[in-house]
Amino acid sequence: GPAVVDEDALWEAREARREEIRRKRKGPGKDGGGDGKEEGGTADESKLTPEERAAIERERDIRERDEFAKRLSAKDKKKQSSRVDGEGDDDGTEGAAARMERLRKLEDRTRRLARGESVELDD
């Protein structure tokens, strides 16, 4: 049957890895540096409990994930609508329908040439 995924365990393992990376980046003898105001953080996170820090980090991660999902969705919708319309992107490239027609004509010409027929080049 399908494998059961323990999302909480995966999340905790990911958070532990991220925390380890953060500690390595800070290096020995540093208290984090800066003013502690990274992306909507509190003024002094060193006074927070590990649970509070984890909650704040989770909120940041969720916000970043949601923003990323919005950007991805918008990009996907734009791509999808250009396929449906048969138009190219804003950079002037040909649409999928035009590209398929061009490739179909090329394949047809190639087959006719292979059979020894004469072919008119219209490109």
N, C-alpha and C. Protein backbone atom coordinates (compact mmCIF):
# COMPACT_ATOMS: atom_id res chain seq x y z
N GLY A 1 0.82 -1.20 0.00
CA GLY A 1 0.00 0.00 0.00
C GLY A 1 0.85 1.25 0.00
N PRO A 2 0.24 2.42 0.03
CA PRO A 2 1.00 3.66 0.02
C PRO A 2 1.76 3.86 1.32
N ALA A 3 2.92 4.45 1.22
CA ALA A 3 3.74 4.70 2.39
C ALA A 3 3.10 5.80 3.24
N VAL A 4 3.19 5.65 4.55
CA VAL A 4 2.65 6.67 5.45
C VAL A 4 3.78 7.65 5.76
N VAL A 5 3.49 8.94 5.59
CA VAL A 5 4.50 9.97 5.81
C VAL A 5 4.15 10.71 7.09
N ASP A 6 5.09 10.74 8.01
CA ASP A 6 4.90 11.49 9.25
C ASP A 6 5.42 12.90 9.02
N GLU A 7 4.49 13.79 8.65
CA GLU A 7 4.89 15.16 8.29
C GLU A 7 5.52 15.89 9.47
N ASP A 8 5.03 15.64 10.68
CA ASP A 8 5.61 16.31 11.86
C ASP A 8 7.07 15.90 12.05
N ALA A 9 7.36 14.62 11.87
CA ALA A 9 8.74 14.16 12.02
C ALA A 9 9.63 14.76 10.95
N LEU A 10 9.11 14.81 9.70
CA LEU A 10 9.88 15.42 8.62
C LEU A 10 10.15 16.88 8.91
N TRP A 11 9.11 17.58 9.38
CA TRP A 11 9.24 19.01 9.68
C TRP A 11 10.28 19.23 10.77
N GLU A 12 10.21 18.44 11.84
CA GLU A 12 11.15 18.60 12.95
C GLU A 12 12.58 18.31 12.50
N ALA A 13 12.76 17.29 11.67
CA ALA A 13 14.10 16.96 11.18
C ALA A 13 14.64 18.11 10.32
N ARG A 14 13.78 18.69 9.48
CA ARG A 14 14.17 19.81 8.64
C ARG A 14 14.56 21.01 9.50
N GLU A 15 13.74 21.29 10.51
CA GLU A 15 14.03 22.41 11.40
C GLU A 15 15.35 22.20 12.13
N ALA A 16 15.61 20.98 12.56
CA ALA A 16 16.86 20.68 13.27
C ALA A 16 18.06 20.92 12.35
N ARG A 17 17.94 20.49 11.08
CA ARG A 17 19.03 20.71 10.12
C ARG A 17 19.25 22.19 9.89
N ARG A 18 18.15 22.95 9.74
CA ARG A 18 18.28 24.39 9.50
C ARG A 18 18.92 25.08 10.69
N GLU A 19 18.54 24.67 11.90
CA GLU A 19 19.12 25.27 13.11
C GLU A 19 20.62 24.97 13.18
N GLU A 20 21.00 23.76 12.81
CA GLU A 20 22.42 23.39 12.81
C GLU A 20 23.20 24.25 11.80
N ILE A 21 22.62 24.46 10.64
CA ILE A 21 23.26 25.30 9.62
C ILE A 21 23.41 26.73 10.14
N ARG A 22 22.36 27.24 10.78
CA ARG A 22 22.44 28.60 11.33
C ARG A 22 23.56 28.72 12.35
N ARG A 23 23.68 27.71 13.22
CA ARG A 23 24.74 27.75 14.24
C ARG A 23 26.12 27.74 13.59
N LYS A 24 26.28 26.93 12.54
CA LYS A 24 27.57 26.88 11.85
C LYS A 24 27.90 28.21 11.19
N ARG A 25 26.88 28.87 10.60
CA ARG A 25 27.10 30.16 9.95
C ARG A 25 27.54 31.22 10.94
N LYS A 26 26.94 31.21 12.14
CA LYS A 26 27.30 32.21 13.15
C LYS A 26 28.74 32.03 13.59
N GLY A 27 29.16 30.80 13.69
CA GLY A 27 30.54 30.52 14.08
C GLY A 27 30.74 30.71 15.56
N PRO A 28 31.92 30.32 16.06
CA PRO A 28 32.20 30.43 17.50
C PRO A 28 32.41 31.88 17.92
N GLY A 29 31.97 32.20 19.15
CA GLY A 29 32.22 33.52 19.72
C GLY A 29 31.32 34.62 19.19
N LYS A 30 30.31 34.27 18.40
CA LYS A 30 29.41 35.30 17.90
C LYS A 30 28.05 35.09 18.53
N ASP A 31 27.33 36.19 18.79
CA ASP A 31 26.02 36.05 19.39
C ASP A 31 24.92 36.25 18.36
N GLY A 32 25.24 36.16 17.11
CA GLY A 32 24.24 36.34 16.08
C GLY A 32 24.47 37.62 15.32
N GLY A 33 25.04 38.64 15.98
CA GLY A 33 25.35 39.90 15.30
C GLY A 33 24.12 40.62 14.83
N GLY A 34 24.30 41.77 14.24
CA GLY A 34 23.19 42.55 13.71
C GLY A 34 22.32 43.08 14.83
N ASP A 35 21.17 43.62 14.45
CA ASP A 35 20.28 44.17 15.46
C ASP A 35 19.15 43.21 15.80
N GLY A 36 19.20 41.98 15.23
CA GLY A 36 18.20 40.99 15.54
C GLY A 36 16.88 41.22 14.83
N LYS A 37 16.87 42.13 13.87
CA LYS A 37 15.61 42.46 13.20
C LYS A 37 15.58 41.92 11.78
N GLU A 38 15.86 40.63 11.64
CA GLU A 38 15.76 40.02 10.32
C GLU A 38 14.30 39.83 9.97
N GLU A 39 13.90 40.28 8.81
CA GLU A 39 12.57 40.01 8.25
C GLU A 39 11.48 39.87 9.29
N GLY A 40 11.13 40.95 9.95
CA GLY A 40 10.01 40.93 10.85
C GLY A 40 10.29 40.24 12.16
N GLY A 41 11.55 40.05 12.51
CA GLY A 41 11.89 39.42 13.77
C GLY A 41 11.69 40.40 14.92
N THR A 42 11.80 39.88 16.14
CA THR A 42 11.67 40.76 17.29
C THR A 42 12.99 41.47 17.53
N ALA A 43 12.99 42.49 18.36
CA ALA A 43 14.18 43.30 18.59
C ALA A 43 15.31 42.48 19.21
N ASP A 44 14.98 41.54 20.13
CA ASP A 44 16.04 40.76 20.77
C ASP A 44 15.59 39.32 20.93
N GLU A 45 15.89 38.50 19.94
CA GLU A 45 15.45 37.11 19.96
C GLU A 45 16.23 36.28 20.97
N SER A 46 17.36 36.79 21.48
CA SER A 46 18.14 36.00 22.42
C SER A 46 17.40 35.82 23.74
N LYS A 47 16.40 36.67 24.04
CA LYS A 47 15.64 36.55 25.28
C LYS A 47 14.48 35.57 25.15
N LEU A 48 14.26 35.06 23.94
CA LEU A 48 13.15 34.14 23.71
C LEU A 48 13.55 32.71 24.05
N THR A 49 12.55 31.92 24.42
CA THR A 49 12.81 30.51 24.66
C THR A 49 12.99 29.81 23.32
N PRO A 50 13.61 28.65 23.32
CA PRO A 50 13.77 27.91 22.05
C PRO A 50 12.42 27.65 21.36
N GLU A 51 11.38 27.38 22.17
CA GLU A 51 10.06 27.14 21.59
C GLU A 51 9.54 28.39 20.89
N GLU A 52 9.73 29.56 21.52
CA GLU A 52 9.27 30.81 20.92
C GLU A 52 10.04 31.11 19.64
N ARG A 53 11.35 30.87 19.69
CA ARG A 53 12.16 31.07 18.47
C ARG A 53 11.70 30.14 17.36
N ALA A 54 11.42 28.89 17.71
CA ALA A 54 10.96 27.92 16.72
C ALA A 54 9.61 28.35 16.13
N ALA A 55 8.73 28.89 16.98
CA ALA A 55 7.42 29.34 16.50
C ALA A 55 7.59 30.51 15.53
N ILE A 56 8.47 31.44 15.88
CA ILE A 56 8.72 32.59 15.00
C ILE A 56 9.31 32.12 13.67
N GLU A 57 10.25 31.19 13.75
CA GLU A 57 10.88 30.66 12.54
C GLU A 57 9.85 29.94 11.68
N ARG A 58 8.96 29.18 12.32
CA ARG A 58 7.89 28.50 11.58
C ARG A 58 7.00 29.51 10.86
N GLU A 59 6.65 30.59 11.56
CA GLU A 59 5.81 31.62 10.93
C GLU A 59 6.52 32.22 9.71
N ARG A 60 7.80 32.50 9.86
CA ARG A 60 8.58 33.02 8.72
C ARG A 60 8.58 32.04 7.57
N ASP A 61 8.84 30.77 7.90
CA ASP A 61 8.88 29.73 6.86
C ASP A 61 7.54 29.62 6.14
N ILE A 62 6.46 29.66 6.93
CA ILE A 62 5.12 29.56 6.33
C ILE A 62 4.87 30.75 5.43
N ARG A 63 5.24 31.95 5.89
CA ARG A 63 5.04 33.16 5.09
C ARG A 63 5.86 33.08 3.79
N GLU A 64 7.12 32.66 3.91
CA GLU A 64 7.97 32.53 2.72
C GLU A 64 7.40 31.49 1.77
N ARG A 65 6.93 30.37 2.31
CA ARG A 65 6.36 29.31 1.48
C ARG A 65 5.12 29.80 0.75
N ASP A 66 4.26 30.54 1.48
CA ASP A 66 3.04 31.05 0.86
C ASP A 66 3.35 32.06 -0.23
N GLU A 67 4.34 32.93 0.02
CA GLU A 67 4.72 33.91 -1.01
C GLU A 67 5.28 33.20 -2.24
N PHE A 68 6.09 32.17 -2.00
CA PHE A 68 6.65 31.40 -3.11
C PHE A 68 5.53 30.71 -3.89
N ALA A 69 4.58 30.13 -3.16
CA ALA A 69 3.46 29.44 -3.82
C ALA A 69 2.65 30.41 -4.67
N LYS A 70 2.46 31.65 -4.17
CA LYS A 70 1.73 32.66 -4.95
C LYS A 70 2.47 32.98 -6.24
N ARG A 71 3.79 33.20 -6.12
CA ARG A 71 4.59 33.52 -7.31
C ARG A 71 4.53 32.36 -8.31
N LEU A 72 4.66 31.15 -7.81
CA LEU A 72 4.65 29.97 -8.67
C LEU A 72 3.29 29.82 -9.36
N SER A 73 2.23 30.05 -8.60
CA SER A 73 0.88 29.94 -9.15
C SER A 73 0.65 30.99 -10.22
N ALA A 74 1.08 32.22 -9.96
CA ALA A 74 0.90 33.30 -10.94
C ALA A 74 1.67 32.98 -12.22
N LYS A 75 2.90 32.48 -12.06
CA LYS A 75 3.73 32.12 -13.21
C LYS A 75 3.07 31.00 -14.01
N ASP A 76 2.52 30.01 -13.28
CA ASP A 76 1.87 28.87 -13.92
C ASP A 76 0.62 29.31 -14.67
N LYS A 77 -0.17 30.21 -14.06
CA LYS A 77 -1.38 30.71 -14.72
C LYS A 77 -1.02 31.46 -16.00
N LYS A 78 0.04 32.25 -15.93
CA LYS A 78 0.47 33.02 -17.12
C LYS A 78 0.87 32.06 -18.23
N LYS A 79 1.64 31.03 -17.85
CA LYS A 79 2.09 30.03 -18.82
C LYS A 79 0.90 29.30 -19.42
N GLN A 80 -0.05 28.90 -18.55
CA GLN A 80 -1.22 28.16 -19.00
C GLN A 80 -2.07 29.00 -19.95
N SER A 81 -2.27 30.27 -19.62
CA SER A 81 -3.11 31.12 -20.48
C SER A 81 -2.45 31.35 -21.83
N SER A 82 -1.13 31.44 -21.86
CA SER A 82 -0.47 31.64 -23.15
C SER A 82 -0.57 30.39 -24.01
N ARG A 83 -0.60 29.21 -23.38
CA ARG A 83 -0.77 27.96 -24.14
C ARG A 83 -2.18 27.89 -24.70
N VAL A 84 -3.16 28.23 -23.90
CA VAL A 84 -4.55 28.15 -24.31
C VAL A 84 -4.81 29.13 -25.45
N ASP A 85 -4.29 30.35 -25.33
CA ASP A 85 -4.50 31.36 -26.35
C ASP A 85 -3.73 31.06 -27.63
N GLY A 86 -2.74 30.19 -27.54
CA GLY A 86 -1.92 29.88 -28.70
C GLY A 86 -0.97 31.02 -29.02
N GLU A 87 -0.75 31.88 -28.06
CA GLU A 87 0.14 33.02 -28.28
C GLU A 87 1.47 32.76 -27.61
N GLY A 88 2.47 33.53 -28.03
CA GLY A 88 3.77 33.42 -27.40
C GLY A 88 3.82 34.22 -26.13
N ASP A 89 4.94 34.14 -25.46
CA ASP A 89 5.16 34.95 -24.27
C ASP A 89 5.42 36.39 -24.68
N ASP A 90 5.59 37.25 -23.70
CA ASP A 90 5.81 38.66 -23.97
C ASP A 90 7.13 38.93 -24.69
N ASP A 91 8.02 37.96 -24.72
CA ASP A 91 9.33 38.19 -25.35
C ASP A 91 9.28 37.97 -26.86
N GLY A 92 8.10 37.76 -27.43
CA GLY A 92 7.97 37.67 -28.87
C GLY A 92 8.17 36.28 -29.44
N THR A 93 8.27 35.28 -28.61
CA THR A 93 8.44 33.92 -29.12
C THR A 93 7.11 33.41 -29.65
N GLU A 94 7.19 32.45 -30.57
CA GLU A 94 5.94 31.94 -31.15
C GLU A 94 5.20 31.07 -30.15
N GLY A 95 3.90 30.97 -30.32
CA GLY A 95 3.07 30.17 -29.44
C GLY A 95 3.18 28.69 -29.75
N ALA A 96 2.62 27.89 -28.88
CA ALA A 96 2.71 26.44 -29.03
C ALA A 96 2.01 25.97 -30.32
N ALA A 97 0.85 26.55 -30.64
CA ALA A 97 0.12 26.13 -31.83
C ALA A 97 0.92 26.44 -33.10
N ALA A 98 1.50 27.63 -33.16
CA ALA A 98 2.30 28.02 -34.33
C ALA A 98 3.54 27.14 -34.45
N ARG A 99 4.16 26.84 -33.31
CA ARG A 99 5.36 26.00 -33.30
C ARG A 99 5.01 24.60 -33.79
N MET A 100 3.88 24.05 -33.31
CA MET A 100 3.47 22.72 -33.74
C MET A 100 3.19 22.69 -35.24
N GLU A 101 2.55 23.73 -35.76
CA GLU A 101 2.26 23.80 -37.20
C GLU A 101 3.54 23.85 -38.01
N ARG A 102 4.50 24.67 -37.55
CA ARG A 102 5.78 24.78 -38.25
C ARG A 102 6.49 23.43 -38.26
N LEU A 103 6.51 22.74 -37.12
CA LEU A 103 7.17 21.44 -37.04
C LEU A 103 6.45 20.40 -37.89
N ARG A 104 5.11 20.46 -37.93
CA ARG A 104 4.36 19.52 -38.75
C ARG A 104 4.71 19.70 -40.23
N LYS A 105 4.79 20.97 -40.68
CA LYS A 105 5.15 21.24 -42.08
C LYS A 105 6.56 20.74 -42.39
N LEU A 106 7.48 20.98 -41.48
CA LEU A 106 8.86 20.54 -41.67
C LEU A 106 8.93 19.02 -41.79
N GLU A 107 8.20 18.33 -40.92
CA GLU A 107 8.19 16.86 -40.96
C GLU A 107 7.58 16.37 -42.27
N ASP A 108 6.51 17.01 -42.71
CA ASP A 108 5.86 16.63 -43.97
C ASP A 108 6.83 16.81 -45.14
N ARG A 109 7.51 17.96 -45.17
CA ARG A 109 8.50 18.21 -46.25
C ARG A 109 9.61 17.18 -46.23
N THR A 110 10.08 16.84 -45.03
CA THR A 110 11.17 15.87 -44.90
C THR A 110 10.73 14.51 -45.43
N ARG A 111 9.51 14.09 -45.12
CA ARG A 111 9.00 12.81 -45.62
C ARG A 111 8.90 12.81 -47.14
N ARG A 112 8.40 13.92 -47.69
CA ARG A 112 8.25 14.00 -49.15
C ARG A 112 9.62 13.99 -49.84
N LEU A 113 10.59 14.68 -49.25
CA LEU A 113 11.95 14.67 -49.82
C LEU A 113 12.52 13.26 -49.78
N ALA A 114 12.27 12.54 -48.69
CA ALA A 114 12.78 11.18 -48.54
C ALA A 114 12.19 10.26 -49.61
N ARG A 115 10.96 10.53 -50.02
CA ARG A 115 10.32 9.73 -51.06
C ARG A 115 10.76 10.17 -52.45
N GLY A 116 11.53 11.26 -52.55
CA GLY A 116 12.03 11.72 -53.83
C GLY A 116 11.12 12.75 -54.50
N GLU A 117 10.13 13.24 -53.78
CA GLU A 117 9.24 14.25 -54.36
C GLU A 117 9.90 15.61 -54.29
N SER A 118 9.43 16.54 -55.16
CA SER A 118 9.96 17.89 -55.10
C SER A 118 9.18 18.66 -54.02
N VAL A 119 9.87 19.58 -53.37
CA VAL A 119 9.29 20.31 -52.26
C VAL A 119 9.52 21.79 -52.46
N GLU A 120 8.48 22.59 -52.23
CA GLU A 120 8.62 24.05 -52.28
C GLU A 120 8.98 24.55 -50.89
N LEU A 121 10.00 25.37 -50.83
CA LEU A 121 10.40 25.95 -49.56
C LEU A 121 9.72 27.29 -49.39
N ASP A 122 8.88 27.43 -48.39
CA ASP A 122 8.17 28.67 -48.22
C ASP A 122 8.70 29.52 -47.08
N ASP A 123 9.70 29.03 -46.36
CA ASP A 123 10.24 29.77 -45.20
C ASP A 123 11.26 30.79 -45.65
